[in-house]
């Protein structure tokens, strides 16, 4: 049985990086999630545990950064992704993800703004692997499986 999120969380942003250490995240209306790889065209994926980074829009707003700035792949509006337990499966669009670990803020966050790493403690997001590939688009609803 699908557990609908109370306020119907949805994908508010889809981001990929064209190259490692580029510091750049490109926004998309839609992208393919590939099982065992991550998002198509994203150089940040490190299978099997670090394929996709989910971050909460509300957390980004609370520290004053724009979506995509902290190098997340999927920006989620309407739910705190940090509350998703490791092992939780999540459907977004046509893809299914499994939460694998907390993404702790790294030193690169302070490159964006001094002190941002500390501000993002407990807010950077959750890493996941793609278990069923499919298209993910801005506006897609999120379901916990």
N, C-alpha and C. Protein backbone atom coordinates (compact mmCIF):
# COMPACT_ATOMS: atom_id res chain seq x y z
N UNK A 1 0.85 -1.19 0.00
CA UNK A 1 0.00 0.00 0.00
C UNK A 1 0.88 1.24 0.00
N UNK A 2 0.51 2.21 -0.79
CA UNK A 2 1.28 3.44 -0.87
C UNK A 2 0.91 4.37 0.26
N UNK A 3 1.91 4.97 0.86
CA UNK A 3 1.69 5.92 1.94
C UNK A 3 1.82 7.32 1.36
N UNK A 4 0.71 7.96 1.11
CA UNK A 4 0.73 9.32 0.56
C UNK A 4 1.24 10.27 1.63
N UNK A 5 2.11 11.17 1.23
CA UNK A 5 2.59 12.17 2.17
C UNK A 5 1.45 13.13 2.48
N UNK A 6 1.38 13.57 3.72
CA UNK A 6 0.26 14.37 4.19
C UNK A 6 -0.06 15.57 3.31
N UNK A 7 0.96 16.36 2.97
CA UNK A 7 0.72 17.58 2.20
C UNK A 7 1.09 17.41 0.73
N UNK A 8 1.19 16.17 0.27
CA UNK A 8 1.57 15.87 -1.09
C UNK A 8 2.85 16.58 -1.50
N UNK A 9 3.93 16.02 -1.09
CA UNK A 9 5.24 16.53 -1.47
C UNK A 9 5.42 16.35 -2.97
N UNK A 10 6.23 17.22 -3.56
CA UNK A 10 6.46 17.12 -5.00
C UNK A 10 7.89 17.55 -5.33
N UNK A 11 8.30 17.21 -6.53
CA UNK A 11 9.62 17.61 -7.03
C UNK A 11 9.54 19.08 -7.45
N UNK A 12 10.37 19.91 -6.82
CA UNK A 12 10.39 21.34 -7.12
C UNK A 12 11.57 21.72 -8.01
N UNK A 13 12.55 20.83 -8.13
CA UNK A 13 13.71 21.10 -8.97
C UNK A 13 14.43 19.82 -9.33
N UNK A 14 14.98 19.77 -10.54
CA UNK A 14 15.75 18.62 -11.03
C UNK A 14 17.08 19.17 -11.52
N UNK A 15 18.19 18.62 -11.00
CA UNK A 15 19.52 19.17 -11.24
C UNK A 15 20.54 18.09 -11.58
N UNK A 16 21.42 18.39 -12.51
CA UNK A 16 22.55 17.51 -12.79
C UNK A 16 23.80 18.36 -12.95
N UNK A 17 24.94 17.74 -12.71
CA UNK A 17 26.22 18.43 -12.90
C UNK A 17 26.92 17.85 -14.13
N UNK A 18 27.39 18.73 -15.03
CA UNK A 18 28.02 18.23 -16.25
C UNK A 18 29.42 17.65 -16.03
N UNK A 19 30.07 18.02 -14.93
CA UNK A 19 31.43 17.53 -14.66
C UNK A 19 31.73 17.60 -13.18
N UNK A 20 32.55 16.66 -12.71
CA UNK A 20 32.96 16.69 -11.30
C UNK A 20 33.74 17.96 -11.04
N UNK A 21 33.53 18.52 -9.86
CA UNK A 21 34.22 19.73 -9.40
C UNK A 21 33.99 20.95 -10.29
N UNK A 22 32.93 20.91 -11.10
CA UNK A 22 32.61 22.05 -11.96
C UNK A 22 31.97 23.17 -11.15
N UNK A 23 31.37 22.80 -9.99
CA UNK A 23 30.66 23.79 -9.19
C UNK A 23 29.35 24.22 -9.85
N UNK A 24 28.97 23.54 -10.90
CA UNK A 24 27.78 23.93 -11.67
C UNK A 24 26.72 22.84 -11.61
N UNK A 25 25.49 23.26 -11.43
CA UNK A 25 24.35 22.36 -11.51
C UNK A 25 23.39 22.93 -12.54
N UNK A 26 23.02 22.13 -13.52
CA UNK A 26 22.09 22.56 -14.57
C UNK A 26 20.69 22.11 -14.21
N UNK A 27 19.74 23.02 -14.30
CA UNK A 27 18.34 22.70 -14.02
C UNK A 27 17.66 22.11 -15.23
N UNK A 28 16.72 21.20 -14.99
CA UNK A 28 15.97 20.53 -16.05
C UNK A 28 14.50 20.48 -15.69
N UNK A 29 13.66 20.41 -16.69
CA UNK A 29 12.23 20.18 -16.45
C UNK A 29 12.01 18.70 -16.15
N UNK A 30 12.82 17.85 -16.80
CA UNK A 30 12.69 16.40 -16.61
C UNK A 30 14.02 15.74 -16.94
N UNK A 31 14.25 14.57 -16.34
CA UNK A 31 15.49 13.83 -16.56
C UNK A 31 15.20 12.35 -16.31
N UNK A 32 16.03 11.48 -16.89
CA UNK A 32 15.89 10.05 -16.65
C UNK A 32 16.74 9.62 -15.48
N UNK A 33 16.14 8.86 -14.58
CA UNK A 33 16.87 8.21 -13.50
C UNK A 33 17.18 6.80 -14.00
N UNK A 34 18.45 6.40 -13.89
CA UNK A 34 18.89 5.12 -14.42
C UNK A 34 19.28 4.21 -13.25
N UNK A 35 18.64 3.05 -13.18
CA UNK A 35 18.90 2.10 -12.09
C UNK A 35 20.38 1.78 -12.00
N UNK A 36 20.93 1.91 -10.78
CA UNK A 36 22.32 1.59 -10.54
C UNK A 36 23.31 2.66 -10.98
N UNK A 37 22.81 3.79 -11.52
CA UNK A 37 23.70 4.83 -12.02
C UNK A 37 23.41 6.22 -11.47
N UNK A 38 22.16 6.59 -11.34
CA UNK A 38 21.80 7.95 -10.93
C UNK A 38 21.06 8.66 -12.03
N UNK A 39 21.14 9.98 -12.04
CA UNK A 39 20.44 10.75 -13.06
C UNK A 39 21.29 10.84 -14.32
N UNK A 40 20.64 10.67 -15.45
CA UNK A 40 21.33 10.70 -16.73
C UNK A 40 22.10 12.01 -16.90
N UNK A 41 23.38 11.88 -17.23
CA UNK A 41 24.20 13.06 -17.48
C UNK A 41 24.79 13.73 -16.26
N UNK A 42 24.59 13.16 -15.06
CA UNK A 42 25.12 13.78 -13.85
C UNK A 42 26.45 13.13 -13.46
N UNK A 43 27.47 13.96 -13.36
CA UNK A 43 28.82 13.48 -13.05
C UNK A 43 29.03 13.24 -11.55
N UNK A 44 28.06 13.61 -10.71
CA UNK A 44 28.24 13.49 -9.26
C UNK A 44 27.90 12.12 -8.70
N UNK A 45 27.28 11.26 -9.48
CA UNK A 45 26.84 9.96 -8.97
C UNK A 45 28.03 9.08 -8.60
N UNK A 46 27.90 8.41 -7.45
CA UNK A 46 28.88 7.43 -6.98
C UNK A 46 28.12 6.18 -6.55
N UNK A 47 27.75 5.32 -7.51
CA UNK A 47 27.03 4.10 -7.16
C UNK A 47 27.84 3.25 -6.19
N UNK A 48 27.22 2.46 -5.33
CA UNK A 48 25.78 2.27 -5.30
C UNK A 48 25.04 3.15 -4.30
N UNK A 49 25.73 3.77 -3.34
CA UNK A 49 24.99 4.48 -2.29
C UNK A 49 24.77 5.96 -2.56
N UNK A 50 25.58 6.58 -3.40
CA UNK A 50 25.52 8.03 -3.59
C UNK A 50 25.13 8.39 -5.01
N UNK A 51 24.00 7.88 -5.47
CA UNK A 51 23.59 8.13 -6.85
C UNK A 51 22.80 9.43 -7.01
N UNK A 52 21.93 9.72 -6.05
CA UNK A 52 21.03 10.87 -6.15
C UNK A 52 20.92 11.53 -4.78
N UNK A 53 20.96 12.86 -4.75
CA UNK A 53 20.79 13.60 -3.50
C UNK A 53 19.45 14.33 -3.51
N UNK A 54 18.61 14.00 -2.52
CA UNK A 54 17.34 14.69 -2.29
C UNK A 54 17.58 15.77 -1.24
N UNK A 55 17.05 16.98 -1.46
CA UNK A 55 17.12 18.05 -0.45
C UNK A 55 15.75 18.71 -0.36
N UNK A 56 15.42 19.20 0.82
CA UNK A 56 14.13 19.86 1.06
C UNK A 56 14.21 21.34 0.72
N UNK A 57 13.27 21.80 -0.09
CA UNK A 57 13.20 23.21 -0.45
C UNK A 57 13.12 24.09 0.80
N UNK A 58 12.35 23.65 1.78
CA UNK A 58 12.18 24.43 2.99
C UNK A 58 13.51 24.59 3.74
N UNK A 59 14.37 23.60 3.70
CA UNK A 59 15.69 23.70 4.33
C UNK A 59 16.57 24.69 3.58
N UNK A 60 16.51 24.64 2.25
CA UNK A 60 17.29 25.58 1.45
C UNK A 60 16.87 27.02 1.75
N UNK A 61 15.56 27.22 1.81
CA UNK A 61 15.05 28.57 2.11
C UNK A 61 15.47 29.02 3.50
N UNK A 62 15.53 28.08 4.46
CA UNK A 62 15.86 28.45 5.84
C UNK A 62 17.30 28.93 5.99
N UNK A 63 18.18 28.53 5.06
CA UNK A 63 19.57 28.99 5.10
C UNK A 63 19.87 29.98 3.98
N UNK A 64 18.85 30.37 3.24
CA UNK A 64 19.00 31.42 2.24
C UNK A 64 19.80 31.05 1.00
N UNK A 65 19.64 29.80 0.54
CA UNK A 65 20.30 29.42 -0.72
C UNK A 65 19.26 28.98 -1.74
N UNK A 66 19.58 29.19 -2.99
CA UNK A 66 18.70 28.84 -4.09
C UNK A 66 18.72 27.32 -4.34
N UNK A 67 17.62 26.77 -4.84
CA UNK A 67 17.63 25.36 -5.23
C UNK A 67 18.77 25.10 -6.22
N UNK A 68 19.41 23.94 -6.04
CA UNK A 68 20.54 23.55 -6.87
C UNK A 68 21.89 23.99 -6.33
N UNK A 69 21.88 24.99 -5.46
CA UNK A 69 23.14 25.57 -4.97
C UNK A 69 23.97 24.60 -4.15
N UNK A 70 23.30 23.72 -3.38
CA UNK A 70 24.07 22.80 -2.53
C UNK A 70 24.32 21.47 -3.25
N UNK A 71 24.12 21.49 -4.56
CA UNK A 71 24.43 20.37 -5.46
C UNK A 71 23.51 19.17 -5.26
N UNK A 72 22.27 19.45 -4.87
CA UNK A 72 21.29 18.37 -4.81
C UNK A 72 20.82 18.05 -6.22
N UNK A 73 20.28 16.84 -6.38
CA UNK A 73 19.72 16.44 -7.67
C UNK A 73 18.23 16.68 -7.74
N UNK A 74 17.55 16.38 -6.64
CA UNK A 74 16.09 16.53 -6.61
C UNK A 74 15.71 17.40 -5.41
N UNK A 75 15.13 18.54 -5.70
CA UNK A 75 14.65 19.45 -4.66
C UNK A 75 13.20 19.08 -4.37
N UNK A 76 12.90 18.83 -3.10
CA UNK A 76 11.58 18.37 -2.68
C UNK A 76 10.86 19.47 -1.94
N UNK A 77 9.65 19.78 -2.38
CA UNK A 77 8.80 20.76 -1.70
C UNK A 77 7.70 20.03 -0.95
N UNK A 78 7.51 20.37 0.33
CA UNK A 78 6.39 19.82 1.08
C UNK A 78 6.72 18.69 2.02
N UNK A 79 8.01 18.32 2.16
CA UNK A 79 8.36 17.29 3.13
C UNK A 79 9.81 17.47 3.55
N UNK A 80 10.12 17.03 4.75
CA UNK A 80 11.48 17.06 5.27
C UNK A 80 12.15 15.74 4.94
N UNK A 81 12.99 15.74 3.92
CA UNK A 81 13.63 14.49 3.48
C UNK A 81 14.52 13.90 4.55
N UNK A 82 14.99 14.72 5.49
CA UNK A 82 15.86 14.22 6.56
C UNK A 82 15.11 13.25 7.48
N UNK A 83 13.78 13.24 7.41
CA UNK A 83 12.97 12.32 8.22
C UNK A 83 12.76 10.98 7.54
N UNK A 84 13.19 10.87 6.27
CA UNK A 84 13.04 9.60 5.57
C UNK A 84 14.11 8.64 6.09
N UNK A 85 13.73 7.48 6.60
CA UNK A 85 14.72 6.56 7.15
C UNK A 85 15.53 5.85 6.06
N UNK A 86 16.73 5.45 6.42
CA UNK A 86 17.55 4.67 5.51
C UNK A 86 16.78 3.39 5.19
N UNK A 87 16.73 3.03 3.92
CA UNK A 87 15.95 1.88 3.47
C UNK A 87 14.59 2.25 2.92
N UNK A 88 14.12 3.48 3.21
CA UNK A 88 12.82 3.94 2.71
C UNK A 88 12.85 3.97 1.19
N UNK A 89 11.81 3.47 0.56
CA UNK A 89 11.69 3.59 -0.90
C UNK A 89 10.74 4.74 -1.20
N UNK A 90 11.10 5.47 -2.24
CA UNK A 90 10.40 6.69 -2.61
C UNK A 90 10.14 6.66 -4.11
N UNK A 91 8.88 6.89 -4.50
CA UNK A 91 8.57 7.01 -5.93
C UNK A 91 8.45 8.49 -6.27
N UNK A 92 9.16 8.89 -7.32
CA UNK A 92 9.04 10.24 -7.87
C UNK A 92 8.91 10.08 -9.37
N UNK A 93 7.78 10.48 -9.91
CA UNK A 93 7.55 10.27 -11.33
C UNK A 93 7.55 8.79 -11.63
N UNK A 94 8.30 8.39 -12.66
CA UNK A 94 8.35 6.99 -13.05
C UNK A 94 9.47 6.21 -12.41
N UNK A 95 10.22 6.82 -11.50
CA UNK A 95 11.39 6.16 -10.90
C UNK A 95 11.14 5.83 -9.42
N UNK A 96 11.86 4.82 -8.95
CA UNK A 96 11.82 4.46 -7.54
C UNK A 96 13.25 4.53 -7.01
N UNK A 97 13.39 5.18 -5.86
CA UNK A 97 14.68 5.37 -5.20
C UNK A 97 14.65 4.70 -3.84
N UNK A 98 15.82 4.31 -3.35
CA UNK A 98 15.94 3.79 -1.99
C UNK A 98 16.93 4.67 -1.24
N UNK A 99 16.49 5.20 -0.11
CA UNK A 99 17.35 6.07 0.70
C UNK A 99 18.48 5.23 1.28
N UNK A 100 19.73 5.70 1.09
CA UNK A 100 20.89 4.92 1.51
C UNK A 100 21.66 5.56 2.66
N UNK A 101 21.66 6.88 2.77
CA UNK A 101 22.44 7.51 3.83
C UNK A 101 22.15 9.01 3.91
N UNK A 102 22.49 9.58 5.07
CA UNK A 102 22.43 11.03 5.27
C UNK A 102 23.59 11.64 4.50
N UNK A 103 23.36 12.79 3.90
CA UNK A 103 24.44 13.52 3.23
C UNK A 103 24.89 14.64 4.17
N UNK A 104 26.02 14.43 4.81
CA UNK A 104 26.55 15.45 5.71
C UNK A 104 27.16 16.59 4.90
N UNK A 105 26.98 17.82 5.35
CA UNK A 105 27.56 18.96 4.63
C UNK A 105 29.09 18.86 4.61
N UNK A 106 29.68 19.11 3.46
CA UNK A 106 31.13 19.04 3.31
C UNK A 106 31.74 20.44 3.21
N UNK A 107 33.06 20.50 3.14
CA UNK A 107 33.77 21.77 3.09
C UNK A 107 33.37 22.63 1.89
N UNK A 108 32.84 22.00 0.84
CA UNK A 108 32.44 22.77 -0.34
C UNK A 108 31.29 23.73 -0.05
N UNK A 109 30.53 23.42 0.99
CA UNK A 109 29.42 24.32 1.33
C UNK A 109 29.95 25.68 1.79
N UNK A 110 31.09 25.68 2.48
CA UNK A 110 31.69 26.95 2.91
C UNK A 110 32.29 27.73 1.74
N UNK A 111 32.51 27.06 0.60
CA UNK A 111 32.95 27.76 -0.60
C UNK A 111 31.82 28.62 -1.16
N UNK A 112 30.58 28.19 -0.92
CA UNK A 112 29.43 28.97 -1.35
C UNK A 112 29.24 30.20 -0.47
N UNK A 113 29.36 29.97 0.83
CA UNK A 113 29.23 31.06 1.81
C UNK A 113 29.86 30.58 3.11
N UNK A 114 30.75 31.36 3.66
CA UNK A 114 31.40 31.00 4.92
C UNK A 114 30.34 30.75 5.99
N UNK A 115 30.45 29.61 6.65
CA UNK A 115 29.50 29.24 7.70
C UNK A 115 28.33 28.41 7.23
N UNK A 116 28.17 28.25 5.90
CA UNK A 116 27.03 27.50 5.37
C UNK A 116 27.09 26.03 5.77
N UNK A 117 28.29 25.46 5.85
CA UNK A 117 28.42 24.05 6.24
C UNK A 117 27.76 23.83 7.60
N UNK A 118 28.04 24.68 8.56
CA UNK A 118 27.45 24.55 9.90
C UNK A 118 25.93 24.78 9.85
N UNK A 119 25.48 25.75 9.05
CA UNK A 119 24.05 26.04 8.93
C UNK A 119 23.28 24.86 8.35
N UNK A 120 23.94 24.06 7.52
CA UNK A 120 23.28 22.94 6.85
C UNK A 120 23.29 21.64 7.65
N UNK A 121 23.87 21.64 8.85
CA UNK A 121 23.83 20.43 9.68
C UNK A 121 22.38 19.99 9.86
N UNK A 122 22.11 18.73 9.51
CA UNK A 122 20.74 18.21 9.62
C UNK A 122 19.80 18.70 8.54
N UNK A 123 20.35 19.38 7.51
CA UNK A 123 19.50 19.95 6.46
C UNK A 123 20.01 19.69 5.05
N UNK A 124 21.16 19.04 4.88
CA UNK A 124 21.75 18.89 3.54
C UNK A 124 20.92 17.95 2.67
N UNK A 125 20.39 16.90 3.27
CA UNK A 125 19.56 16.00 2.49
C UNK A 125 19.90 14.55 2.68
N UNK A 126 19.28 13.71 1.85
CA UNK A 126 19.45 12.27 1.92
C UNK A 126 19.89 11.74 0.57
N UNK A 127 20.87 10.84 0.62
CA UNK A 127 21.35 10.19 -0.60
C UNK A 127 20.53 8.94 -0.86
N UNK A 128 20.45 8.58 -2.14
CA UNK A 128 19.65 7.43 -2.53
C UNK A 128 20.26 6.75 -3.75
N UNK A 129 19.82 5.52 -3.96
CA UNK A 129 20.16 4.81 -5.18
C UNK A 129 18.88 4.65 -5.99
N UNK A 130 19.03 4.54 -7.30
CA UNK A 130 17.89 4.33 -8.18
C UNK A 130 17.66 2.82 -8.28
N UNK A 131 16.49 2.37 -7.84
CA UNK A 131 16.19 0.93 -7.90
C UNK A 131 15.30 0.58 -9.09
N UNK A 132 14.53 1.53 -9.57
CA UNK A 132 13.72 1.37 -10.79
C UNK A 132 13.87 2.64 -11.60
N UNK A 133 14.43 2.52 -12.78
CA UNK A 133 14.63 3.69 -13.62
C UNK A 133 13.32 4.24 -14.17
N UNK A 134 13.36 5.51 -14.54
CA UNK A 134 12.19 6.16 -15.12
C UNK A 134 12.40 7.66 -15.16
N UNK A 135 11.46 8.34 -15.75
CA UNK A 135 11.56 9.79 -15.87
C UNK A 135 11.08 10.49 -14.60
N UNK A 136 11.80 11.53 -14.21
CA UNK A 136 11.44 12.36 -13.06
C UNK A 136 11.33 13.78 -13.57
N UNK A 137 10.25 14.47 -13.21
CA UNK A 137 10.02 15.82 -13.72
C UNK A 137 9.59 16.77 -12.60
N UNK A 138 9.87 18.04 -12.83
CA UNK A 138 9.38 19.08 -11.91
C UNK A 138 7.86 18.97 -11.84
N UNK A 139 7.34 18.97 -10.62
CA UNK A 139 5.90 18.85 -10.40
C UNK A 139 5.43 17.45 -10.08
N UNK A 140 6.29 16.45 -10.28
CA UNK A 140 5.90 15.07 -9.95
C UNK A 140 5.64 14.94 -8.46
N UNK A 141 4.58 14.21 -8.12
CA UNK A 141 4.30 13.94 -6.72
C UNK A 141 5.24 12.86 -6.21
N UNK A 142 5.47 12.88 -4.91
CA UNK A 142 6.36 11.92 -4.25
C UNK A 142 5.53 11.02 -3.36
N UNK A 143 5.77 9.73 -3.46
CA UNK A 143 5.10 8.75 -2.62
C UNK A 143 6.13 7.94 -1.88
N UNK A 144 5.85 7.70 -0.59
CA UNK A 144 6.68 6.79 0.19
C UNK A 144 6.11 5.40 0.00
N UNK A 145 6.96 4.44 -0.33
CA UNK A 145 6.50 3.08 -0.63
C UNK A 145 6.70 2.14 0.55
